[in-house]
Amino acid sequence: MGRATCDRLDVNDDRYQGERSITEARSLWVEAGWHPPGDDPRQSE
């Protein structure tokens, strides 16, 4: 679900590197404990 959302919103799109709204949103998600998700297989690599 998270990856689909990121893909749909282009959150990880390289064309938007440095986009302040995306960076701020991601930092709020980290602060709230929503990012990265605990069941994300990439976190166990």
N, C-alpha and C. Protein backbone atom coordinates (compact mmCIF):
# COMPACT_ATOMS: atom_id res chain seq x y z
N MET A 1 0.83 -1.19 0.00
CA MET A 1 0.00 0.00 0.00
C MET A 1 0.88 1.25 0.00
N GLY A 2 1.91 1.28 0.83
CA GLY A 2 2.77 2.46 0.90
C GLY A 2 3.51 2.73 -0.39
N ARG A 3 4.02 1.68 -0.99
CA ARG A 3 4.75 1.87 -2.26
C ARG A 3 3.81 2.34 -3.36
N ALA A 4 2.60 1.78 -3.38
CA ALA A 4 1.62 2.20 -4.39
C ALA A 4 1.29 3.68 -4.22
N THR A 5 1.16 4.12 -2.97
CA THR A 5 0.88 5.53 -2.70
C THR A 5 2.04 6.39 -3.18
N CYS A 6 3.26 5.98 -2.86
CA CYS A 6 4.44 6.74 -3.28
C CYS A 6 4.54 6.79 -4.79
N ASP A 7 4.27 5.65 -5.44
CA ASP A 7 4.31 5.62 -6.90
C ASP A 7 3.26 6.56 -7.49
N ARG A 8 2.07 6.51 -6.93
CA ARG A 8 0.98 7.33 -7.46
C ARG A 8 1.24 8.82 -7.25
N LEU A 9 1.80 9.16 -6.10
CA LEU A 9 2.06 10.57 -5.79
C LEU A 9 3.43 11.04 -6.28
N ASP A 10 4.20 10.13 -6.88
CA ASP A 10 5.55 10.44 -7.36
C ASP A 10 6.45 10.95 -6.24
N VAL A 11 6.25 10.44 -5.01
CA VAL A 11 7.02 10.92 -3.87
C VAL A 11 8.50 10.62 -4.03
N ASN A 12 8.84 9.50 -4.64
CA ASN A 12 10.24 9.13 -4.79
C ASN A 12 10.80 9.42 -6.17
N ASP A 13 10.10 10.22 -6.93
CA ASP A 13 10.53 10.53 -8.29
C ASP A 13 11.73 11.45 -8.27
N ASP A 14 12.80 11.06 -8.95
CA ASP A 14 14.04 11.85 -8.98
C ASP A 14 13.84 13.24 -9.57
N ARG A 15 12.82 13.43 -10.36
CA ARG A 15 12.57 14.75 -10.93
C ARG A 15 12.22 15.77 -9.87
N TYR A 16 11.78 15.29 -8.69
CA TYR A 16 11.34 16.20 -7.65
C TYR A 16 12.34 16.28 -6.49
N GLN A 17 13.59 15.92 -6.73
CA GLN A 17 14.61 16.00 -5.67
C GLN A 17 14.66 17.44 -5.17
N GLY A 18 14.63 17.56 -3.88
CA GLY A 18 14.70 18.89 -3.30
C GLY A 18 13.36 19.59 -3.18
N GLU A 19 12.31 18.93 -3.63
CA GLU A 19 10.97 19.50 -3.51
C GLU A 19 10.63 19.60 -2.03
N ARG A 20 10.49 20.79 -1.56
CA ARG A 20 10.35 21.03 -0.12
C ARG A 20 9.11 20.36 0.47
N SER A 21 7.99 20.37 -0.22
CA SER A 21 6.77 19.79 0.34
C SER A 21 6.91 18.29 0.55
N ILE A 22 7.59 17.61 -0.37
CA ILE A 22 7.79 16.17 -0.23
C ILE A 22 8.73 15.89 0.93
N THR A 23 9.80 16.65 1.05
CA THR A 23 10.75 16.47 2.14
C THR A 23 10.08 16.72 3.48
N GLU A 24 9.29 17.77 3.57
CA GLU A 24 8.60 18.09 4.81
C GLU A 24 7.57 17.02 5.17
N ALA A 25 6.83 16.54 4.18
CA ALA A 25 5.84 15.49 4.44
C ALA A 25 6.53 14.24 4.96
N ARG A 26 7.62 13.84 4.32
CA ARG A 26 8.32 12.63 4.75
C ARG A 26 8.87 12.79 6.16
N SER A 27 9.38 13.95 6.51
CA SER A 27 9.90 14.14 7.86
C SER A 27 8.77 14.07 8.90
N LEU A 28 7.59 14.56 8.54
CA LEU A 28 6.44 14.45 9.45
C LEU A 28 6.02 12.99 9.60
N TRP A 29 6.06 12.23 8.51
CA TRP A 29 5.71 10.81 8.59
C TRP A 29 6.69 10.06 9.49
N VAL A 30 7.98 10.39 9.39
CA VAL A 30 8.99 9.75 10.24
C VAL A 30 8.73 10.11 11.70
N GLU A 31 8.45 11.37 11.94
CA GLU A 31 8.18 11.86 13.30
C GLU A 31 6.95 11.16 13.91
N ALA A 32 5.94 10.94 13.10
CA ALA A 32 4.71 10.30 13.57
C ALA A 32 4.85 8.79 13.70
N GLY A 33 5.96 8.23 13.18
CA GLY A 33 6.16 6.79 13.23
C GLY A 33 5.50 6.04 12.09
N TRP A 34 5.08 6.76 11.06
CA TRP A 34 4.42 6.11 9.91
C TRP A 34 5.41 5.68 8.85
N HIS A 35 6.63 6.19 8.90
CA HIS A 35 7.61 5.91 7.84
C HIS A 35 8.96 5.64 8.48
N PRO A 36 9.66 4.63 8.12
CA PRO A 36 9.23 3.54 7.25
C PRO A 36 8.33 2.59 8.01
N PRO A 37 7.44 1.90 7.30
CA PRO A 37 6.55 0.96 7.96
C PRO A 37 7.34 -0.20 8.56
N GLY A 38 6.88 -0.70 9.68
CA GLY A 38 7.58 -1.78 10.36
C GLY A 38 7.67 -3.06 9.56
N ASP A 39 6.71 -3.29 8.66
CA ASP A 39 6.72 -4.52 7.87
C ASP A 39 7.36 -4.34 6.49
N ASP A 40 8.07 -3.27 6.28
CA ASP A 40 8.73 -3.02 5.00
C ASP A 40 9.91 -3.97 4.85
N PRO A 41 9.88 -4.84 3.83
CA PRO A 41 10.98 -5.81 3.65
C PRO A 41 12.32 -5.13 3.36
N ARG A 42 12.30 -3.90 2.86
CA ARG A 42 13.55 -3.19 2.57
C ARG A 42 14.29 -2.83 3.85
N GLN A 43 13.59 -2.75 4.97
CA GLN A 43 14.22 -2.38 6.23
C GLN A 43 15.02 -3.53 6.83
N SER A 44 14.76 -4.76 6.39
CA SER A 44 15.47 -5.91 6.93
C SER A 44 16.68 -6.29 6.10
N GLU A 45 16.95 -5.56 5.03
CA GLU A 45 18.11 -5.87 4.16
C GLU A 45 19.40 -5.45 4.80
